[in-house]
Amino acid sequence: MPSERKANRGPSAGPENRRALIAAARTVFAEDGLSAPLSAVARRAGVGQGSLYRHFPDRVALAVAVFDENIVELEAVAEAEGSTLDDLLTLVVEQAIVSTAFVDLLVAERGDPRVEHIGARFREVAETVTDNERRAGRISSTVATDDVILAVEMLAGLLARTPAAERPAAAARARALLRSAFASR
């Protein structure tokens, strides 16, 4: 019985394939960790490995694509009217829980030019939220953008090293500590 092959749609399939690969990477690496074979990502996305490597030549490129999408969501939260630090931390926790496999990779590759822009974009997000919170009197005037960035890095690192079933409780405890530490006095 011959297997059914998908028709090659050519370059027009590129954006759809890229989106499918990023979604598949989130799932595969959340389930199997960063050592999961890239072929599993391609298979789950329903594309060939050639398509995977055209879009993402290595794991770092794939991790950067996932985090670029995460940053877009964080930027939207930061720019939303009335958004709070707690809103930002809520989204960071949601993202970190499903992207834990990528955290260590991106930390290890921090000097890679493909990774550096993520830090710069997140700094802008943290600065916007910190300034908004300070103006609203919800955090201490002594809380700096670097404090918020450190808190997020600590939170993401904690979640990356916590067993999956314990992550929500660990995140709740960490967020309570951060709220207390950052509170306006």
N, C-alpha and C. Protein backbone atom coordinates (compact mmCIF):
# COMPACT_ATOMS: atom_id res chain seq x y z
N MET A 1 0.85 -1.18 0.00
CA MET A 1 0.00 0.00 0.00
C MET A 1 0.89 1.23 0.00
N PRO A 2 0.86 2.03 -1.04
CA PRO A 2 1.72 3.21 -1.10
C PRO A 2 1.25 4.27 -0.09
N SER A 3 2.22 4.97 0.50
CA SER A 3 1.85 6.02 1.45
C SER A 3 1.44 7.26 0.68
N GLU A 4 0.50 7.97 1.26
CA GLU A 4 0.04 9.21 0.63
C GLU A 4 1.05 10.29 0.93
N ARG A 5 1.50 10.96 -0.09
CA ARG A 5 2.44 12.05 0.10
C ARG A 5 1.69 13.36 -0.03
N LYS A 6 2.09 14.30 0.82
CA LYS A 6 1.50 15.63 0.72
C LYS A 6 2.02 16.29 -0.55
N ALA A 7 1.16 17.00 -1.21
CA ALA A 7 1.57 17.74 -2.40
C ALA A 7 2.51 18.86 -1.98
N ASN A 8 3.56 19.03 -2.73
CA ASN A 8 4.50 20.10 -2.45
C ASN A 8 3.89 21.41 -2.93
N ARG A 9 3.62 22.30 -1.98
CA ARG A 9 2.99 23.58 -2.33
C ARG A 9 4.03 24.65 -2.62
N GLY A 10 5.29 24.30 -2.52
CA GLY A 10 6.36 25.24 -2.83
C GLY A 10 6.50 26.33 -1.78
N PRO A 11 7.05 27.47 -2.18
CA PRO A 11 7.33 28.55 -1.24
C PRO A 11 6.11 29.09 -0.50
N SER A 12 4.92 28.94 -1.08
CA SER A 12 3.73 29.47 -0.41
C SER A 12 3.44 28.78 0.91
N ALA A 13 3.99 27.58 1.10
CA ALA A 13 3.77 26.85 2.35
C ALA A 13 4.73 27.29 3.45
N GLY A 14 5.73 28.11 3.10
CA GLY A 14 6.75 28.50 4.06
C GLY A 14 6.25 29.07 5.38
N PRO A 15 5.45 30.12 5.35
CA PRO A 15 4.98 30.70 6.61
C PRO A 15 4.14 29.73 7.45
N GLU A 16 3.30 28.96 6.77
CA GLU A 16 2.47 27.97 7.50
C GLU A 16 3.37 26.89 8.12
N ASN A 17 4.35 26.43 7.38
CA ASN A 17 5.28 25.43 7.90
C ASN A 17 6.05 25.97 9.09
N ARG A 18 6.48 27.22 9.00
CA ARG A 18 7.23 27.83 10.10
C ARG A 18 6.38 27.87 11.37
N ARG A 19 5.14 28.31 11.23
CA ARG A 19 4.24 28.36 12.40
C ARG A 19 4.02 26.96 12.97
N ALA A 20 3.84 25.97 12.10
CA ALA A 20 3.62 24.60 12.55
C ALA A 20 4.86 24.06 13.26
N LEU A 21 6.04 24.40 12.78
CA LEU A 21 7.28 23.94 13.41
C LEU A 21 7.46 24.56 14.79
N ILE A 22 7.15 25.83 14.93
CA ILE A 22 7.28 26.48 16.24
C ILE A 22 6.29 25.86 17.24
N ALA A 23 5.06 25.67 16.81
CA ALA A 23 4.07 25.04 17.70
C ALA A 23 4.50 23.62 18.06
N ALA A 24 5.00 22.88 17.09
CA ALA A 24 5.45 21.51 17.35
C ALA A 24 6.64 21.50 18.30
N ALA A 25 7.55 22.45 18.13
CA ALA A 25 8.72 22.52 19.02
C ALA A 25 8.29 22.75 20.46
N ARG A 26 7.32 23.64 20.67
CA ARG A 26 6.83 23.88 22.03
C ARG A 26 6.35 22.56 22.65
N THR A 27 5.57 21.81 21.90
CA THR A 27 4.99 20.57 22.41
C THR A 27 6.05 19.50 22.61
N VAL A 28 6.86 19.27 21.60
CA VAL A 28 7.86 18.20 21.67
C VAL A 28 8.86 18.45 22.79
N PHE A 29 9.38 19.67 22.88
CA PHE A 29 10.38 19.95 23.91
C PHE A 29 9.76 20.04 25.30
N ALA A 30 8.49 20.42 25.40
CA ALA A 30 7.82 20.41 26.70
C ALA A 30 7.64 18.98 27.19
N GLU A 31 7.35 18.07 26.27
CA GLU A 31 7.13 16.67 26.64
C GLU A 31 8.43 15.89 26.84
N ASP A 32 9.41 16.11 25.95
CA ASP A 32 10.59 15.26 25.91
C ASP A 32 11.89 15.96 26.26
N GLY A 33 11.86 17.26 26.52
CA GLY A 33 13.08 17.98 26.86
C GLY A 33 13.86 18.39 25.63
N LEU A 34 14.90 19.15 25.88
CA LEU A 34 15.69 19.73 24.80
C LEU A 34 16.43 18.69 23.99
N SER A 35 16.65 17.52 24.54
CA SER A 35 17.37 16.48 23.80
C SER A 35 16.47 15.74 22.81
N ALA A 36 15.20 16.08 22.75
CA ALA A 36 14.29 15.44 21.79
C ALA A 36 14.84 15.65 20.39
N PRO A 37 14.75 14.64 19.55
CA PRO A 37 15.28 14.78 18.20
C PRO A 37 14.48 15.81 17.39
N LEU A 38 15.20 16.58 16.59
CA LEU A 38 14.53 17.56 15.75
C LEU A 38 13.61 16.89 14.75
N SER A 39 13.90 15.64 14.42
CA SER A 39 13.01 14.91 13.51
C SER A 39 11.61 14.76 14.13
N ALA A 40 11.54 14.69 15.46
CA ALA A 40 10.24 14.60 16.14
C ALA A 40 9.46 15.90 15.96
N VAL A 41 10.17 17.01 15.94
CA VAL A 41 9.52 18.31 15.72
C VAL A 41 8.95 18.36 14.31
N ALA A 42 9.76 17.96 13.34
CA ALA A 42 9.30 17.97 11.94
C ALA A 42 8.10 17.05 11.77
N ARG A 43 8.19 15.86 12.34
CA ARG A 43 7.09 14.89 12.22
C ARG A 43 5.81 15.45 12.82
N ARG A 44 5.90 16.02 14.02
CA ARG A 44 4.70 16.57 14.67
C ARG A 44 4.13 17.74 13.87
N ALA A 45 4.98 18.51 13.23
CA ALA A 45 4.52 19.64 12.42
C ALA A 45 3.96 19.20 11.08
N GLY A 46 4.22 17.95 10.72
CA GLY A 46 3.73 17.45 9.44
C GLY A 46 4.53 17.93 8.25
N VAL A 47 5.82 18.20 8.50
CA VAL A 47 6.70 18.64 7.41
C VAL A 47 7.93 17.76 7.38
N GLY A 48 8.67 17.82 6.32
CA GLY A 48 9.91 17.08 6.21
C GLY A 48 11.04 17.77 6.96
N GLN A 49 12.09 17.00 7.21
CA GLN A 49 13.23 17.57 7.92
C GLN A 49 13.90 18.67 7.11
N GLY A 50 13.84 18.58 5.79
CA GLY A 50 14.41 19.63 4.96
C GLY A 50 13.74 20.96 5.23
N SER A 51 12.43 20.93 5.39
CA SER A 51 11.68 22.15 5.69
C SER A 51 12.10 22.69 7.07
N LEU A 52 12.24 21.79 8.03
CA LEU A 52 12.68 22.20 9.37
C LEU A 52 14.01 22.93 9.28
N TYR A 53 14.99 22.32 8.61
CA TYR A 53 16.32 22.90 8.56
C TYR A 53 16.39 24.15 7.68
N ARG A 54 15.49 24.31 6.73
CA ARG A 54 15.44 25.55 5.95
C ARG A 54 15.03 26.72 6.86
N HIS A 55 14.09 26.43 7.75
CA HIS A 55 13.63 27.49 8.66
C HIS A 55 14.53 27.64 9.88
N PHE A 56 14.99 26.53 10.41
CA PHE A 56 15.74 26.53 11.67
C PHE A 56 16.94 25.60 11.54
N PRO A 57 18.10 26.15 11.22
CA PRO A 57 19.27 25.30 10.98
C PRO A 57 19.79 24.57 12.22
N ASP A 58 19.38 25.02 13.42
CA ASP A 58 19.82 24.34 14.64
C ASP A 58 18.84 24.62 15.78
N ARG A 59 19.09 24.02 16.92
CA ARG A 59 18.20 24.18 18.08
C ARG A 59 18.11 25.62 18.56
N VAL A 60 19.23 26.34 18.49
CA VAL A 60 19.22 27.73 18.94
C VAL A 60 18.25 28.54 18.08
N ALA A 61 18.29 28.35 16.77
CA ALA A 61 17.38 29.09 15.89
C ALA A 61 15.93 28.78 16.22
N LEU A 62 15.65 27.53 16.52
CA LEU A 62 14.28 27.14 16.88
C LEU A 62 13.87 27.74 18.22
N ALA A 63 14.77 27.71 19.20
CA ALA A 63 14.49 28.29 20.52
C ALA A 63 14.26 29.80 20.39
N VAL A 64 15.06 30.46 19.58
CA VAL A 64 14.91 31.90 19.38
C VAL A 64 13.53 32.20 18.77
N ALA A 65 13.10 31.39 17.82
CA ALA A 65 11.78 31.60 17.21
C ALA A 65 10.67 31.46 18.23
N VAL A 66 10.78 30.47 19.11
CA VAL A 66 9.77 30.30 20.17
C VAL A 66 9.76 31.53 21.08
N PHE A 67 10.95 31.98 21.49
CA PHE A 67 11.01 33.12 22.40
C PHE A 67 10.65 34.44 21.72
N ASP A 68 10.89 34.54 20.42
CA ASP A 68 10.42 35.73 19.71
C ASP A 68 8.90 35.84 19.81
N GLU A 69 8.21 34.71 19.65
CA GLU A 69 6.75 34.73 19.81
C GLU A 69 6.36 35.08 21.24
N ASN A 70 7.12 34.54 22.21
CA ASN A 70 6.84 34.86 23.61
C ASN A 70 6.99 36.36 23.86
N ILE A 71 8.04 36.94 23.31
CA ILE A 71 8.29 38.38 23.52
C ILE A 71 7.17 39.22 22.92
N VAL A 72 6.66 38.83 21.78
CA VAL A 72 5.53 39.57 21.17
C VAL A 72 4.36 39.59 22.15
N GLU A 73 4.08 38.47 22.78
CA GLU A 73 2.98 38.41 23.76
C GLU A 73 3.29 39.29 24.96
N LEU A 74 4.54 39.27 25.43
CA LEU A 74 4.93 40.09 26.59
C LEU A 74 4.86 41.58 26.25
N GLU A 75 5.26 41.93 25.03
CA GLU A 75 5.16 43.33 24.60
C GLU A 75 3.71 43.80 24.59
N ALA A 76 2.82 42.94 24.17
CA ALA A 76 1.39 43.30 24.17
C ALA A 76 0.89 43.54 25.58
N VAL A 77 1.31 42.72 26.52
CA VAL A 77 0.92 42.91 27.92
C VAL A 77 1.47 44.23 28.44
N ALA A 78 2.73 44.50 28.16
CA ALA A 78 3.36 45.73 28.65
C ALA A 78 2.68 46.99 28.11
N GLU A 79 2.21 46.92 26.88
CA GLU A 79 1.59 48.08 26.25
C GLU A 79 0.10 48.22 26.56
N ALA A 80 -0.51 47.19 27.12
CA ALA A 80 -1.95 47.23 27.41
C ALA A 80 -2.24 48.23 28.53
N GLU A 81 -3.28 48.99 28.32
CA GLU A 81 -3.71 49.97 29.31
C GLU A 81 -3.99 49.29 30.64
N GLY A 82 -3.39 49.79 31.71
CA GLY A 82 -3.65 49.25 33.04
C GLY A 82 -2.93 47.96 33.37
N SER A 83 -2.05 47.50 32.50
CA SER A 83 -1.36 46.24 32.81
C SER A 83 -0.43 46.43 34.01
N THR A 84 -0.21 45.34 34.70
CA THR A 84 0.57 45.38 35.94
C THR A 84 1.75 44.42 35.86
N LEU A 85 2.62 44.53 36.83
CA LEU A 85 3.74 43.60 36.96
C LEU A 85 3.20 42.19 37.16
N ASP A 86 2.12 42.08 37.89
CA ASP A 86 1.52 40.76 38.10
C ASP A 86 1.02 40.17 36.78
N ASP A 87 0.48 41.00 35.90
CA ASP A 87 0.06 40.53 34.57
C ASP A 87 1.27 39.98 33.81
N LEU A 88 2.38 40.72 33.87
CA LEU A 88 3.60 40.29 33.20
C LEU A 88 4.09 38.97 33.77
N LEU A 89 4.14 38.87 35.10
CA LEU A 89 4.63 37.64 35.74
C LEU A 89 3.71 36.45 35.45
N THR A 90 2.42 36.70 35.37
CA THR A 90 1.47 35.63 35.03
C THR A 90 1.81 35.05 33.66
N LEU A 91 2.03 35.92 32.69
CA LEU A 91 2.35 35.45 31.34
C LEU A 91 3.73 34.80 31.30
N VAL A 92 4.70 35.36 32.01
CA VAL A 92 6.03 34.76 32.07
C VAL A 92 5.93 33.34 32.61
N VAL A 93 5.15 33.14 33.66
CA VAL A 93 4.98 31.81 34.24
C VAL A 93 4.35 30.87 33.21
N GLU A 94 3.28 31.32 32.56
CA GLU A 94 2.63 30.47 31.54
C GLU A 94 3.62 30.08 30.46
N GLN A 95 4.40 31.04 29.99
CA GLN A 95 5.37 30.76 28.94
C GLN A 95 6.49 29.85 29.44
N ALA A 96 6.98 30.12 30.63
CA ALA A 96 8.10 29.34 31.15
C ALA A 96 7.70 27.88 31.40
N ILE A 97 6.49 27.67 31.83
CA ILE A 97 6.04 26.30 32.11
C ILE A 97 6.07 25.46 30.84
N VAL A 98 5.71 26.03 29.70
CA VAL A 98 5.71 25.25 28.46
C VAL A 98 7.00 25.40 27.66
N SER A 99 7.89 26.28 28.08
CA SER A 99 9.14 26.48 27.34
C SER A 99 10.38 26.21 28.18
N THR A 100 10.23 25.45 29.25
CA THR A 100 11.36 25.24 30.17
C THR A 100 12.58 24.64 29.49
N ALA A 101 12.38 23.80 28.51
CA ALA A 101 13.52 23.16 27.86
C ALA A 101 14.41 24.18 27.16
N PHE A 102 13.83 25.29 26.73
CA PHE A 102 14.61 26.29 26.00
C PHE A 102 15.36 27.25 26.92
N VAL A 103 14.97 27.35 28.18
CA VAL A 103 15.56 28.34 29.07
C VAL A 103 17.07 28.13 29.20
N ASP A 104 17.49 26.93 29.54
CA ASP A 104 18.92 26.68 29.71
C ASP A 104 19.69 26.88 28.41
N LEU A 105 19.10 26.48 27.29
CA LEU A 105 19.77 26.65 26.00
C LEU A 105 20.02 28.13 25.73
N LEU A 106 19.02 28.95 25.93
CA LEU A 106 19.18 30.38 25.64
C LEU A 106 20.12 31.05 26.62
N VAL A 107 20.13 30.60 27.87
CA VAL A 107 21.08 31.15 28.84
C VAL A 107 22.50 30.77 28.42
N ALA A 108 22.69 29.53 28.02
CA ALA A 108 24.01 29.07 27.59
C ALA A 108 24.49 29.79 26.33
N GLU A 109 23.55 30.20 25.49
CA GLU A 109 23.89 30.84 24.22
C GLU A 109 23.66 32.35 24.26
N ARG A 110 23.68 32.92 25.44
CA ARG A 110 23.37 34.34 25.63
C ARG A 110 24.20 35.26 24.74
N GLY A 111 25.44 34.91 24.45
CA GLY A 111 26.30 35.74 23.62
C GLY A 111 26.07 35.59 22.13
N ASP A 112 25.25 34.64 21.75
CA ASP A 112 24.95 34.40 20.33
C ASP A 112 24.14 35.59 19.82
N PRO A 113 24.55 36.20 18.71
CA PRO A 113 23.81 37.36 18.19
C PRO A 113 22.33 37.07 17.94
N ARG A 114 22.00 35.82 17.65
CA ARG A 114 20.58 35.48 17.41
C ARG A 114 19.79 35.55 18.71
N VAL A 115 20.47 35.44 19.84
CA VAL A 115 19.81 35.42 21.15
C VAL A 115 19.78 36.81 21.78
N GLU A 116 20.79 37.61 21.50
CA GLU A 116 20.94 38.90 22.18
C GLU A 116 19.72 39.81 22.05
N HIS A 117 19.07 39.80 20.90
CA HIS A 117 17.93 40.71 20.72
C HIS A 117 16.76 40.36 21.66
N ILE A 118 16.68 39.11 22.07
CA ILE A 118 15.60 38.72 22.99
C ILE A 118 15.76 39.47 24.31
N GLY A 119 17.00 39.50 24.81
CA GLY A 119 17.27 40.23 26.05
C GLY A 119 16.96 41.71 25.93
N ALA A 120 17.33 42.29 24.80
CA ALA A 120 17.08 43.72 24.59
C ALA A 120 15.58 44.01 24.53
N ARG A 121 14.85 43.16 23.84
CA ARG A 121 13.39 43.36 23.76
C ARG A 121 12.74 43.15 25.12
N PHE A 122 13.21 42.15 25.87
CA PHE A 122 12.62 41.94 27.19
C PHE A 122 12.94 43.11 28.11
N ARG A 123 14.13 43.68 27.98
CA ARG A 123 14.48 44.84 28.81
C ARG A 123 13.47 45.97 28.58
N GLU A 124 13.08 46.20 27.33
CA GLU A 124 12.08 47.24 27.03
C GLU A 124 10.74 46.92 27.69
N VAL A 125 10.35 45.64 27.65
CA VAL A 125 9.10 45.22 28.30
C VAL A 125 9.18 45.50 29.80
N ALA A 126 10.27 45.05 30.41
CA ALA A 126 10.44 45.22 31.86
C ALA A 126 10.47 46.70 32.24
N GLU A 127 11.12 47.50 31.42
CA GLU A 127 11.20 48.93 31.70
C GLU A 127 9.82 49.58 31.63
N THR A 128 9.04 49.23 30.62
CA THR A 128 7.69 49.78 30.48
C THR A 128 6.83 49.41 31.69
N VAL A 129 6.84 48.14 32.05
CA VAL A 129 6.02 47.68 33.18
C VAL A 129 6.50 48.30 34.49
N THR A 130 7.81 48.34 34.69
CA THR A 130 8.35 48.92 35.93
C THR A 130 7.97 50.40 36.05
N ASP A 131 8.12 51.14 34.96
CA ASP A 131 7.76 52.57 34.99
C ASP A 131 6.26 52.75 35.27
N ASN A 132 5.42 51.94 34.62
CA ASN A 132 3.97 52.04 34.85
C ASN A 132 3.63 51.73 36.30
N GLU A 133 4.23 50.69 36.85
CA GLU A 133 3.95 50.29 38.23
C GLU A 133 4.43 51.36 39.22
N ARG A 134 5.59 51.93 38.96
CA ARG A 134 6.12 52.96 39.85
C ARG A 134 5.21 54.19 39.81
N ARG A 135 4.80 54.62 38.60
CA ARG A 135 3.89 55.79 38.48
C ARG A 135 2.56 55.54 39.20
N ALA A 136 2.07 54.31 39.14
CA ALA A 136 0.79 53.98 39.78
C ALA A 136 0.94 53.76 41.28
N GLY A 137 2.17 53.76 41.78
CA GLY A 137 2.41 53.57 43.22
C GLY A 137 2.23 52.13 43.68
N ARG A 138 2.27 51.19 42.76
CA ARG A 138 2.07 49.79 43.12
C ARG A 138 3.36 49.07 43.50
N ILE A 139 4.51 49.68 43.13
CA ILE A 139 5.78 49.09 43.56
C ILE A 139 6.63 50.20 44.16
N SER A 140 7.60 49.78 44.92
CA SER A 140 8.49 50.73 45.59
C SER A 140 9.26 51.55 44.56
N SER A 141 9.53 52.79 44.89
CA SER A 141 10.29 53.65 43.98
C SER A 141 11.74 53.16 43.85
N THR A 142 12.17 52.29 44.73
CA THR A 142 13.54 51.76 44.67
C THR A 142 13.67 50.56 43.72
N VAL A 143 12.55 50.03 43.23
CA VAL A 143 12.59 48.88 42.32
C VAL A 143 13.03 49.37 40.95
N ALA A 144 14.11 48.79 40.46
CA ALA A 144 14.65 49.17 39.16
C ALA A 144 14.27 48.12 38.11
N THR A 145 14.40 48.50 36.86
CA THR A 145 14.15 47.56 35.76
C THR A 145 15.02 46.32 35.92
N ASP A 146 16.27 46.50 36.30
CA ASP A 146 17.16 45.35 36.49
C ASP A 146 16.65 44.40 37.57
N ASP A 147 15.95 44.93 38.57
CA ASP A 147 15.37 44.07 39.61
C ASP A 147 14.26 43.20 39.02
N VAL A 148 13.44 43.78 38.17
CA VAL A 148 12.36 43.03 37.53
C VAL A 148 12.94 41.97 36.61
N ILE A 149 13.96 42.33 35.85
CA ILE A 149 14.61 41.36 34.95
C ILE A 149 15.21 40.21 35.76
N LEU A 150 15.89 40.53 36.85
CA LEU A 150 16.45 39.49 37.72
C LEU A 150 15.36 38.59 38.27
N ALA A 151 14.26 39.18 38.70
CA ALA A 151 13.15 38.39 39.23
C ALA A 151 12.59 37.43 38.18
N VAL A 152 12.43 37.92 36.96
CA VAL A 152 11.91 37.07 35.87
C VAL A 152 12.90 35.95 35.56
N GLU A 153 14.19 36.27 35.52
CA GLU A 153 15.20 35.24 35.25
C GLU A 153 15.20 34.19 36.36
N MET A 154 15.07 34.62 37.60
CA MET A 154 15.02 33.68 38.72
C MET A 154 13.78 32.80 38.63
N LEU A 155 12.66 33.41 38.29
CA LEU A 155 11.41 32.68 38.18
C LEU A 155 11.48 31.65 37.04
N ALA A 156 11.98 32.06 35.89
CA ALA A 156 12.11 31.13 34.75
C ALA A 156 13.09 30.01 35.08
N GLY A 157 14.19 30.35 35.75
CA GLY A 157 15.16 29.33 36.14
C GLY A 157 14.58 28.33 37.13
N LEU A 158 13.82 28.84 38.08
CA LEU A 158 13.16 27.97 39.05
C LEU A 158 12.23 26.99 38.35
N LEU A 159 11.41 27.51 37.46
CA LEU A 159 10.44 26.66 36.77
C LEU A 159 11.12 25.64 35.86
N ALA A 160 12.25 26.02 35.27
CA ALA A 160 12.98 25.09 34.40
C ALA A 160 13.55 23.91 35.19
N ARG A 161 13.77 24.10 36.47
CA ARG A 161 14.39 23.06 37.29
C ARG A 161 13.42 22.36 38.24
N THR A 162 12.15 22.70 38.13
CA THR A 162 11.13 22.12 38.99
C THR A 162 10.36 21.07 38.21
N PRO A 163 10.09 19.92 38.82
CA PRO A 163 9.28 18.91 38.12
C PRO A 163 7.95 19.51 37.64
N ALA A 164 7.50 19.09 36.48
CA ALA A 164 6.33 19.67 35.83
C ALA A 164 5.12 19.76 36.75
N ALA A 165 4.85 18.73 37.52
CA ALA A 165 3.67 18.71 38.37
C ALA A 165 3.75 19.74 39.49
N GLU A 166 4.96 20.15 39.86
CA GLU A 166 5.16 21.09 40.96
C GLU A 166 5.31 22.54 40.51
N ARG A 167 5.38 22.78 39.20
CA ARG A 167 5.64 24.13 38.69
C ARG A 167 4.58 25.15 39.07
N PRO A 168 3.29 24.85 38.95
CA PRO A 168 2.31 25.88 39.33
C PRO A 168 2.44 26.32 40.80
N ALA A 169 2.64 25.38 41.70
CA ALA A 169 2.77 25.74 43.12
C ALA A 169 4.06 26.53 43.36
N ALA A 170 5.15 26.12 42.73
CA ALA A 170 6.41 26.84 42.88
C ALA A 170 6.28 28.26 42.33
N ALA A 171 5.61 28.40 41.21
CA ALA A 171 5.41 29.73 40.61
C ALA A 171 4.58 30.61 41.53
N ALA A 172 3.54 30.05 42.13
CA ALA A 172 2.69 30.83 43.04
C ALA A 172 3.49 31.32 44.25
N ARG A 173 4.32 30.45 44.82
CA ARG A 173 5.15 30.85 45.97
C ARG A 173 6.14 31.95 45.57
N ALA A 174 6.78 31.77 44.43
CA ALA A 174 7.77 32.76 43.98
C ALA A 174 7.10 34.10 43.70
N ARG A 175 5.95 34.08 43.06
CA ARG A 175 5.25 35.33 42.77
C ARG A 175 4.82 36.04 44.04
N ALA A 176 4.41 35.30 45.06
CA ALA A 176 4.05 35.91 46.33
C ALA A 176 5.26 36.60 46.96
N LEU A 177 6.41 35.96 46.89
CA LEU A 177 7.64 36.57 47.41
C LEU A 177 7.99 37.84 46.64
N LEU A 178 7.85 37.79 45.33
CA LEU A 178 8.17 38.96 44.51
C LEU A 178 7.22 40.11 44.79
N ARG A 179 5.93 39.81 44.93
CA ARG A 179 4.95 40.87 45.26
C ARG A 179 5.35 41.56 46.56
N SER A 180 5.72 40.76 47.54
CA SER A 180 6.12 41.31 48.85
C SER A 180 7.39 42.14 48.72
N ALA A 181 8.36 41.63 47.97
CA ALA A 181 9.64 42.32 47.84
C ALA A 181 9.50 43.65 47.07
N PHE A 182 8.62 43.68 46.09
CA PHE A 182 8.48 44.86 45.25
C PHE A 182 7.44 45.85 45.76
N ALA A 183 6.68 45.48 46.77
CA ALA A 183 5.55 46.30 47.22
C ALA A 183 5.97 47.70 47.63
N SER A 184 5.08 48.63 47.32
CA SER A 184 5.29 50.01 47.74
C SER A 184 5.17 50.08 49.26
N ARG A 185 6.03 50.81 49.84
CA ARG A 185 6.03 50.90 51.31
C ARG A 185 5.61 52.27 51.77
